[in-house]
Amino acid sequence: MHEGVALRPAEPDGSIDVIWCRYMLGHIQDLTAAFAEFARVLRPGGAAVIYQMTATGWLTPAEAARLWPPLGIYAASVDPQRLEAAITAGGLRIGQCIQLARGSRERDEEDGGGCTRRQLLHIPRLLHNRPAYQERFGADAYEAMLGNCLWACTR
């Protein structure tokens, strides 16, 4: 297994069997270019397996404007329609799309393996102690911590 950079994989054409992406595509501005690189390095019959959260209608434009910049996320890259369009524009075919329901987070909490309740507890702590957290970690890190807690609870 090799780790690579989506827009500049060092592998030669047609040399990769499987590309696995998990929660990272939202950080790529030009998804079409990334998927074109995936198509270039995949062997015939190879596959790209993508596990990606996308925004839904529940996320308001104001929430997105508040969350995306500190998390380094491009709004177009977490839009499900734009993501699928970029896949095909990049030269790949969607063989199967499995949409996981919101219930997976709730089930994970019920089974004891989740982090949602911890993140919910961190939100008021972060909000009430903003100056102390910003002084200790810096404003950018503070915004990223808060954004991560909020995004995890609103997705």
N, C-alpha and C. Protein backbone atom coordinates (compact mmCIF):
# COMPACT_ATOMS: atom_id res chain seq x y z
N MET A 1 0.85 -1.17 0.00
CA MET A 1 0.00 0.00 0.00
C MET A 1 0.90 1.23 0.00
N HIS A 2 0.50 2.22 -0.80
CA HIS A 2 1.24 3.47 -0.90
C HIS A 2 0.29 4.64 -0.68
N GLU A 3 0.76 5.63 0.03
CA GLU A 3 -0.02 6.85 0.17
C GLU A 3 0.40 7.78 -0.94
N GLY A 4 -0.57 8.54 -1.46
CA GLY A 4 -0.26 9.46 -2.54
C GLY A 4 -0.99 10.77 -2.37
N VAL A 5 -0.74 11.66 -3.28
CA VAL A 5 -1.38 12.96 -3.33
C VAL A 5 -2.34 12.93 -4.51
N ALA A 6 -3.60 13.26 -4.27
CA ALA A 6 -4.64 13.09 -5.28
C ALA A 6 -4.34 13.81 -6.59
N LEU A 7 -3.79 14.99 -6.54
CA LEU A 7 -3.56 15.75 -7.76
C LEU A 7 -2.20 15.48 -8.40
N ARG A 8 -1.33 14.76 -7.71
CA ARG A 8 0.00 14.49 -8.25
C ARG A 8 0.49 13.10 -7.87
N PRO A 9 -0.26 12.06 -8.18
CA PRO A 9 0.25 10.73 -7.81
C PRO A 9 1.52 10.42 -8.60
N ALA A 10 2.49 9.86 -7.92
CA ALA A 10 3.77 9.56 -8.56
C ALA A 10 3.73 8.27 -9.37
N GLU A 11 2.67 7.51 -9.25
CA GLU A 11 2.59 6.22 -9.90
C GLU A 11 2.42 6.38 -11.42
N PRO A 12 2.96 5.44 -12.17
CA PRO A 12 2.81 5.50 -13.62
C PRO A 12 1.38 5.16 -14.07
N ASP A 13 1.08 5.50 -15.29
CA ASP A 13 -0.23 5.21 -15.87
C ASP A 13 -0.58 3.73 -15.71
N GLY A 14 -1.82 3.46 -15.36
CA GLY A 14 -2.34 2.10 -15.30
C GLY A 14 -1.63 1.17 -14.34
N SER A 15 -1.13 1.69 -13.22
CA SER A 15 -0.32 0.86 -12.32
C SER A 15 -0.98 0.54 -10.98
N ILE A 16 -2.18 1.06 -10.73
CA ILE A 16 -2.81 0.92 -9.41
C ILE A 16 -4.10 0.09 -9.53
N ASP A 17 -4.28 -0.85 -8.62
CA ASP A 17 -5.49 -1.67 -8.60
C ASP A 17 -6.65 -0.98 -7.89
N VAL A 18 -6.38 -0.37 -6.73
CA VAL A 18 -7.44 0.23 -5.92
C VAL A 18 -6.96 1.56 -5.35
N ILE A 19 -7.82 2.54 -5.42
CA ILE A 19 -7.59 3.82 -4.75
C ILE A 19 -8.67 3.93 -3.68
N TRP A 20 -8.24 4.23 -2.45
CA TRP A 20 -9.17 4.33 -1.31
C TRP A 20 -9.11 5.76 -0.79
N CYS A 21 -10.26 6.41 -0.74
CA CYS A 21 -10.35 7.79 -0.21
C CYS A 21 -11.38 7.80 0.90
N ARG A 22 -11.00 8.37 2.02
CA ARG A 22 -11.95 8.49 3.11
C ARG A 22 -11.89 9.90 3.69
N TYR A 23 -13.00 10.60 3.58
CA TYR A 23 -13.18 11.93 4.17
C TYR A 23 -12.14 12.96 3.73
N MET A 24 -11.53 12.82 2.56
CA MET A 24 -10.51 13.78 2.19
C MET A 24 -10.87 14.61 0.97
N LEU A 25 -11.86 14.20 0.21
CA LEU A 25 -12.16 14.90 -1.03
C LEU A 25 -12.71 16.31 -0.82
N GLY A 26 -13.31 16.58 0.31
CA GLY A 26 -13.79 17.92 0.61
C GLY A 26 -12.67 18.95 0.68
N HIS A 27 -11.43 18.49 0.84
CA HIS A 27 -10.29 19.38 0.93
C HIS A 27 -9.64 19.65 -0.43
N ILE A 28 -10.20 19.09 -1.47
CA ILE A 28 -9.65 19.27 -2.82
C ILE A 28 -10.56 20.19 -3.61
N GLN A 29 -10.01 21.27 -4.11
CA GLN A 29 -10.82 22.25 -4.83
C GLN A 29 -11.19 21.75 -6.22
N ASP A 30 -10.24 21.16 -6.94
CA ASP A 30 -10.49 20.72 -8.31
C ASP A 30 -10.68 19.20 -8.33
N LEU A 31 -11.89 18.77 -8.01
CA LEU A 31 -12.17 17.33 -7.97
C LEU A 31 -12.04 16.67 -9.33
N THR A 32 -12.44 17.37 -10.40
CA THR A 32 -12.34 16.78 -11.73
C THR A 32 -10.89 16.41 -12.04
N ALA A 33 -9.96 17.30 -11.72
CA ALA A 33 -8.54 17.01 -11.95
C ALA A 33 -8.08 15.82 -11.11
N ALA A 34 -8.54 15.76 -9.86
CA ALA A 34 -8.16 14.63 -9.00
C ALA A 34 -8.68 13.31 -9.58
N PHE A 35 -9.95 13.30 -10.01
CA PHE A 35 -10.51 12.07 -10.57
C PHE A 35 -9.86 11.71 -11.90
N ALA A 36 -9.43 12.70 -12.67
CA ALA A 36 -8.70 12.42 -13.91
C ALA A 36 -7.38 11.72 -13.60
N GLU A 37 -6.74 12.14 -12.52
CA GLU A 37 -5.50 11.47 -12.10
C GLU A 37 -5.79 10.06 -11.60
N PHE A 38 -6.89 9.88 -10.90
CA PHE A 38 -7.29 8.53 -10.48
C PHE A 38 -7.44 7.65 -11.71
N ALA A 39 -8.17 8.17 -12.71
CA ALA A 39 -8.41 7.40 -13.94
C ALA A 39 -7.09 7.08 -14.63
N ARG A 40 -6.15 8.00 -14.61
CA ARG A 40 -4.86 7.79 -15.28
C ARG A 40 -4.07 6.66 -14.63
N VAL A 41 -4.03 6.61 -13.29
CA VAL A 41 -3.17 5.63 -12.63
C VAL A 41 -3.86 4.28 -12.41
N LEU A 42 -5.18 4.22 -12.52
CA LEU A 42 -5.87 2.93 -12.31
C LEU A 42 -5.62 1.98 -13.48
N ARG A 43 -5.41 0.73 -13.13
CA ARG A 43 -5.31 -0.33 -14.14
C ARG A 43 -6.69 -0.57 -14.73
N PRO A 44 -6.77 -1.10 -15.94
CA PRO A 44 -8.08 -1.51 -16.46
C PRO A 44 -8.73 -2.48 -15.47
N GLY A 45 -9.96 -2.21 -15.10
CA GLY A 45 -10.65 -3.03 -14.11
C GLY A 45 -10.38 -2.60 -12.68
N GLY A 46 -9.52 -1.60 -12.46
CA GLY A 46 -9.24 -1.10 -11.13
C GLY A 46 -10.43 -0.30 -10.61
N ALA A 47 -10.37 0.06 -9.34
CA ALA A 47 -11.50 0.76 -8.73
C ALA A 47 -11.02 1.84 -7.77
N ALA A 48 -11.80 2.90 -7.70
CA ALA A 48 -11.62 3.93 -6.68
C ALA A 48 -12.78 3.76 -5.70
N VAL A 49 -12.46 3.54 -4.45
CA VAL A 49 -13.47 3.38 -3.42
C VAL A 49 -13.48 4.69 -2.62
N ILE A 50 -14.63 5.35 -2.63
CA ILE A 50 -14.73 6.67 -2.03
C ILE A 50 -15.73 6.63 -0.88
N TYR A 51 -15.28 7.06 0.28
CA TYR A 51 -16.12 7.15 1.47
C TYR A 51 -16.10 8.62 1.85
N GLN A 52 -17.16 9.34 1.54
CA GLN A 52 -17.15 10.79 1.69
C GLN A 52 -18.45 11.31 2.25
N MET A 53 -18.37 12.15 3.26
CA MET A 53 -19.55 12.86 3.74
C MET A 53 -19.85 13.99 2.77
N THR A 54 -21.13 14.22 2.54
CA THR A 54 -21.53 15.33 1.71
C THR A 54 -22.57 16.16 2.47
N ALA A 55 -22.69 17.40 2.07
CA ALA A 55 -23.65 18.29 2.71
C ALA A 55 -25.05 17.97 2.19
N THR A 56 -26.03 18.20 3.01
CA THR A 56 -27.42 18.00 2.62
C THR A 56 -28.16 19.33 2.76
N GLY A 57 -29.44 19.31 2.44
CA GLY A 57 -30.27 20.49 2.59
C GLY A 57 -30.41 20.95 4.03
N TRP A 58 -30.07 20.10 4.97
CA TRP A 58 -30.16 20.48 6.39
C TRP A 58 -29.10 21.52 6.75
N LEU A 59 -28.01 21.53 6.01
CA LEU A 59 -26.94 22.49 6.28
C LEU A 59 -27.26 23.79 5.56
N THR A 60 -27.49 24.84 6.32
CA THR A 60 -27.87 26.13 5.73
C THR A 60 -26.63 26.80 5.13
N PRO A 61 -26.84 27.72 4.18
CA PRO A 61 -25.69 28.46 3.63
C PRO A 61 -24.90 29.20 4.72
N ALA A 62 -25.58 29.74 5.72
CA ALA A 62 -24.88 30.44 6.80
C ALA A 62 -24.00 29.47 7.60
N GLU A 63 -24.52 28.27 7.86
CA GLU A 63 -23.72 27.28 8.58
C GLU A 63 -22.50 26.86 7.75
N ALA A 64 -22.72 26.66 6.46
CA ALA A 64 -21.61 26.27 5.58
C ALA A 64 -20.55 27.36 5.56
N ALA A 65 -20.97 28.62 5.47
CA ALA A 65 -20.02 29.73 5.46
C ALA A 65 -19.23 29.80 6.76
N ARG A 66 -19.83 29.38 7.85
CA ARG A 66 -19.17 29.38 9.15
C ARG A 66 -18.23 28.18 9.32
N LEU A 67 -18.64 27.02 8.78
CA LEU A 67 -17.88 25.79 9.01
C LEU A 67 -16.76 25.54 8.00
N TRP A 68 -17.02 25.75 6.76
CA TRP A 68 -16.07 25.31 5.73
C TRP A 68 -14.69 25.96 5.80
N PRO A 69 -14.58 27.28 5.90
CA PRO A 69 -13.23 27.87 5.89
C PRO A 69 -12.30 27.34 6.99
N PRO A 70 -12.72 27.27 8.27
CA PRO A 70 -11.78 26.77 9.27
C PRO A 70 -11.41 25.30 9.08
N LEU A 71 -12.29 24.55 8.45
CA LEU A 71 -12.00 23.12 8.24
C LEU A 71 -11.27 22.86 6.92
N GLY A 72 -11.07 23.91 6.13
CA GLY A 72 -10.37 23.74 4.86
C GLY A 72 -11.18 22.95 3.85
N ILE A 73 -12.50 23.12 3.87
CA ILE A 73 -13.40 22.38 2.99
C ILE A 73 -13.94 23.30 1.91
N TYR A 74 -13.97 22.81 0.69
CA TYR A 74 -14.56 23.53 -0.43
C TYR A 74 -16.01 23.10 -0.58
N ALA A 75 -16.93 24.07 -0.56
CA ALA A 75 -18.36 23.77 -0.60
C ALA A 75 -18.72 22.90 -1.80
N ALA A 76 -18.18 23.18 -2.97
CA ALA A 76 -18.51 22.41 -4.16
C ALA A 76 -18.05 20.95 -4.02
N SER A 77 -17.02 20.73 -3.25
CA SER A 77 -16.48 19.37 -3.12
C SER A 77 -17.26 18.48 -2.17
N VAL A 78 -18.18 19.06 -1.39
CA VAL A 78 -19.04 18.25 -0.53
C VAL A 78 -20.50 18.33 -0.97
N ASP A 79 -20.71 18.88 -2.16
CA ASP A 79 -22.05 18.89 -2.76
C ASP A 79 -22.21 17.58 -3.53
N PRO A 80 -23.19 16.75 -3.18
CA PRO A 80 -23.28 15.41 -3.79
C PRO A 80 -23.40 15.44 -5.31
N GLN A 81 -24.17 16.38 -5.86
CA GLN A 81 -24.33 16.43 -7.32
C GLN A 81 -23.02 16.84 -8.00
N ARG A 82 -22.33 17.81 -7.42
CA ARG A 82 -21.05 18.24 -8.01
C ARG A 82 -19.98 17.16 -7.87
N LEU A 83 -20.00 16.44 -6.77
CA LEU A 83 -19.06 15.34 -6.58
C LEU A 83 -19.26 14.28 -7.64
N GLU A 84 -20.50 13.87 -7.85
CA GLU A 84 -20.78 12.85 -8.88
C GLU A 84 -20.44 13.36 -10.27
N ALA A 85 -20.73 14.62 -10.56
CA ALA A 85 -20.40 15.19 -11.87
C ALA A 85 -18.89 15.20 -12.08
N ALA A 86 -18.12 15.52 -11.04
CA ALA A 86 -16.66 15.53 -11.16
C ALA A 86 -16.11 14.14 -11.39
N ILE A 87 -16.72 13.14 -10.78
CA ILE A 87 -16.28 11.75 -10.99
C ILE A 87 -16.38 11.39 -12.47
N THR A 88 -17.53 11.65 -13.05
CA THR A 88 -17.71 11.29 -14.46
C THR A 88 -16.89 12.20 -15.38
N ALA A 89 -16.80 13.50 -15.05
CA ALA A 89 -16.00 14.41 -15.86
C ALA A 89 -14.52 14.04 -15.82
N GLY A 90 -14.09 13.42 -14.73
CA GLY A 90 -12.70 12.99 -14.60
C GLY A 90 -12.40 11.69 -15.31
N GLY A 91 -13.42 11.08 -15.91
CA GLY A 91 -13.19 9.86 -16.68
C GLY A 91 -13.47 8.57 -15.94
N LEU A 92 -14.14 8.67 -14.81
CA LEU A 92 -14.49 7.47 -14.05
C LEU A 92 -15.98 7.20 -14.17
N ARG A 93 -16.37 6.00 -13.84
CA ARG A 93 -17.77 5.59 -13.87
C ARG A 93 -18.16 5.19 -12.46
N ILE A 94 -19.36 5.62 -12.04
CA ILE A 94 -19.86 5.23 -10.72
C ILE A 94 -20.48 3.85 -10.85
N GLY A 95 -19.83 2.86 -10.29
CA GLY A 95 -20.32 1.49 -10.35
C GLY A 95 -21.40 1.23 -9.32
N GLN A 96 -21.25 1.82 -8.16
CA GLN A 96 -22.22 1.64 -7.09
C GLN A 96 -22.12 2.82 -6.13
N CYS A 97 -23.25 3.30 -5.67
CA CYS A 97 -23.28 4.39 -4.69
C CYS A 97 -24.17 3.93 -3.55
N ILE A 98 -23.60 3.86 -2.37
CA ILE A 98 -24.36 3.47 -1.18
C ILE A 98 -24.45 4.70 -0.29
N GLN A 99 -25.65 5.17 -0.09
CA GLN A 99 -25.84 6.33 0.78
C GLN A 99 -26.16 5.85 2.18
N LEU A 100 -25.32 6.23 3.11
CA LEU A 100 -25.53 5.84 4.50
C LEU A 100 -26.43 6.88 5.16
N ALA A 101 -27.37 6.43 5.89
CA ALA A 101 -28.32 7.33 6.55
C ALA A 101 -27.70 7.95 7.79
N ARG A 102 -28.32 9.01 8.24
CA ARG A 102 -27.88 9.67 9.47
C ARG A 102 -27.88 8.71 10.64
N GLY A 103 -28.66 7.67 10.58
CA GLY A 103 -28.77 6.73 11.69
C GLY A 103 -27.48 6.06 12.06
N SER A 104 -26.47 6.08 11.19
CA SER A 104 -25.22 5.40 11.52
C SER A 104 -24.53 6.07 12.71
N ARG A 105 -24.61 7.40 12.82
CA ARG A 105 -24.02 8.09 13.98
C ARG A 105 -24.75 7.73 15.26
N GLU A 106 -26.08 7.72 15.18
CA GLU A 106 -26.87 7.40 16.36
C GLU A 106 -26.60 5.95 16.80
N ARG A 107 -26.53 5.06 15.84
CA ARG A 107 -26.26 3.66 16.16
C ARG A 107 -24.87 3.50 16.78
N ASP A 108 -23.91 4.23 16.26
CA ASP A 108 -22.56 4.18 16.80
C ASP A 108 -22.54 4.66 18.25
N GLU A 109 -23.30 5.69 18.56
CA GLU A 109 -23.41 6.17 19.94
C GLU A 109 -24.05 5.12 20.84
N GLU A 110 -25.12 4.52 20.36
CA GLU A 110 -25.82 3.51 21.16
C GLU A 110 -24.93 2.31 21.44
N ASP A 111 -24.04 1.98 20.50
CA ASP A 111 -23.14 0.85 20.67
C ASP A 111 -21.92 1.19 21.52
N GLY A 112 -21.78 2.46 21.90
CA GLY A 112 -20.69 2.87 22.78
C GLY A 112 -19.42 3.28 22.07
N GLY A 113 -19.40 3.31 20.76
CA GLY A 113 -18.16 3.65 20.05
C GLY A 113 -18.13 5.05 19.47
N GLY A 114 -19.17 5.83 19.72
CA GLY A 114 -19.28 7.13 19.08
C GLY A 114 -18.61 8.26 19.84
N CYS A 115 -18.50 9.39 19.16
CA CYS A 115 -17.89 10.56 19.78
C CYS A 115 -18.85 11.75 19.77
N THR A 116 -20.07 11.59 19.29
CA THR A 116 -20.99 12.70 19.15
C THR A 116 -21.25 13.39 20.48
N ARG A 117 -21.50 12.63 21.53
CA ARG A 117 -21.82 13.28 22.80
C ARG A 117 -20.64 14.06 23.35
N ARG A 118 -19.41 13.56 23.14
CA ARG A 118 -18.24 14.31 23.58
C ARG A 118 -18.12 15.61 22.79
N GLN A 119 -18.38 15.54 21.49
CA GLN A 119 -18.32 16.75 20.68
C GLN A 119 -19.41 17.74 21.09
N LEU A 120 -20.59 17.25 21.40
CA LEU A 120 -21.66 18.14 21.86
C LEU A 120 -21.26 18.84 23.16
N LEU A 121 -20.57 18.14 24.04
CA LEU A 121 -20.11 18.76 25.28
C LEU A 121 -19.00 19.77 25.04
N HIS A 122 -18.18 19.53 24.04
CA HIS A 122 -17.09 20.46 23.74
C HIS A 122 -17.58 21.78 23.17
N ILE A 123 -18.71 21.79 22.47
CA ILE A 123 -19.20 23.02 21.85
C ILE A 123 -19.41 24.13 22.87
N PRO A 124 -20.19 23.94 23.94
CA PRO A 124 -20.34 25.05 24.90
C PRO A 124 -19.04 25.40 25.61
N ARG A 125 -18.18 24.41 25.86
CA ARG A 125 -16.89 24.72 26.49
C ARG A 125 -16.07 25.63 25.59
N LEU A 126 -16.04 25.29 24.30
CA LEU A 126 -15.29 26.11 23.36
C LEU A 126 -15.88 27.51 23.25
N LEU A 127 -17.21 27.59 23.19
CA LEU A 127 -17.86 28.89 23.05
C LEU A 127 -17.70 29.76 24.30
N HIS A 128 -17.81 29.16 25.48
CA HIS A 128 -17.73 29.93 26.72
C HIS A 128 -16.31 30.31 27.10
N ASN A 129 -15.35 29.58 26.59
CA ASN A 129 -13.95 29.84 26.94
C ASN A 129 -13.11 30.23 25.72
N ARG A 130 -13.76 30.89 24.77
CA ARG A 130 -13.09 31.26 23.51
C ARG A 130 -11.74 31.94 23.74
N PRO A 131 -11.64 32.99 24.56
CA PRO A 131 -10.34 33.66 24.70
C PRO A 131 -9.23 32.73 25.20
N ALA A 132 -9.55 31.89 26.17
CA ALA A 132 -8.53 30.99 26.72
C ALA A 132 -8.06 29.97 25.67
N TYR A 133 -9.01 29.41 24.91
CA TYR A 133 -8.64 28.45 23.88
C TYR A 133 -7.85 29.12 22.75
N GLN A 134 -8.26 30.33 22.36
CA GLN A 134 -7.55 31.03 21.30
C GLN A 134 -6.14 31.40 21.74
N GLU A 135 -6.00 31.80 22.99
CA GLU A 135 -4.67 32.13 23.49
C GLU A 135 -3.77 30.89 23.52
N ARG A 136 -4.33 29.78 23.94
CA ARG A 136 -3.53 28.56 24.06
C ARG A 136 -3.20 27.92 22.73
N PHE A 137 -4.19 27.87 21.81
CA PHE A 137 -4.01 27.13 20.56
C PHE A 137 -3.92 28.01 19.31
N GLY A 138 -4.32 29.27 19.43
CA GLY A 138 -4.36 30.16 18.28
C GLY A 138 -5.77 30.21 17.70
N ALA A 139 -6.09 31.31 17.04
CA ALA A 139 -7.44 31.52 16.52
C ALA A 139 -7.80 30.49 15.45
N ASP A 140 -6.88 30.16 14.56
CA ASP A 140 -7.19 29.20 13.49
C ASP A 140 -7.47 27.81 14.05
N ALA A 141 -6.65 27.37 15.00
CA ALA A 141 -6.87 26.06 15.61
C ALA A 141 -8.18 26.04 16.38
N TYR A 142 -8.49 27.13 17.07
CA TYR A 142 -9.75 27.21 17.79
C TYR A 142 -10.92 27.06 16.83
N GLU A 143 -10.90 27.80 15.72
CA GLU A 143 -11.99 27.73 14.75
C GLU A 143 -12.09 26.33 14.14
N ALA A 144 -10.97 25.68 13.93
CA ALA A 144 -10.99 24.31 13.39
C ALA A 144 -11.59 23.34 14.41
N MET A 145 -11.23 23.49 15.70
CA MET A 145 -11.80 22.62 16.74
C MET A 145 -13.31 22.80 16.83
N LEU A 146 -13.75 24.06 16.87
CA LEU A 146 -15.18 24.34 16.96
C LEU A 146 -15.90 23.84 15.70
N GLY A 147 -15.33 24.11 14.55
CA GLY A 147 -15.93 23.66 13.30
C GLY A 147 -16.06 22.15 13.22
N ASN A 148 -15.06 21.45 13.69
CA ASN A 148 -15.11 19.98 13.69
C ASN A 148 -16.24 19.48 14.57
N CYS A 149 -16.40 20.07 15.75
CA CYS A 149 -17.49 19.66 16.64
C CYS A 149 -18.86 19.97 16.02
N LEU A 150 -18.98 21.15 15.44
CA LEU A 150 -20.27 21.54 14.83
C LEU A 150 -20.59 20.70 13.60
N TRP A 151 -19.59 20.46 12.74
CA TRP A 151 -19.80 19.69 11.51
C TRP A 151 -20.19 18.26 11.84
N ALA A 152 -19.54 17.68 12.79
CA ALA A 152 -19.83 16.30 13.16
C ALA A 152 -21.27 16.18 13.67
N CYS A 153 -21.76 17.23 14.27
CA CYS A 153 -23.11 17.17 14.84
C CYS A 153 -24.19 17.60 13.84
N THR A 154 -23.81 18.18 12.72
CA THR A 154 -24.82 18.65 11.76
C THR A 154 -24.84 17.86 10.48
N ARG A 155 -23.94 16.94 10.30
CA ARG A 155 -23.87 16.26 9.00
C ARG A 155 -25.00 15.30 8.79
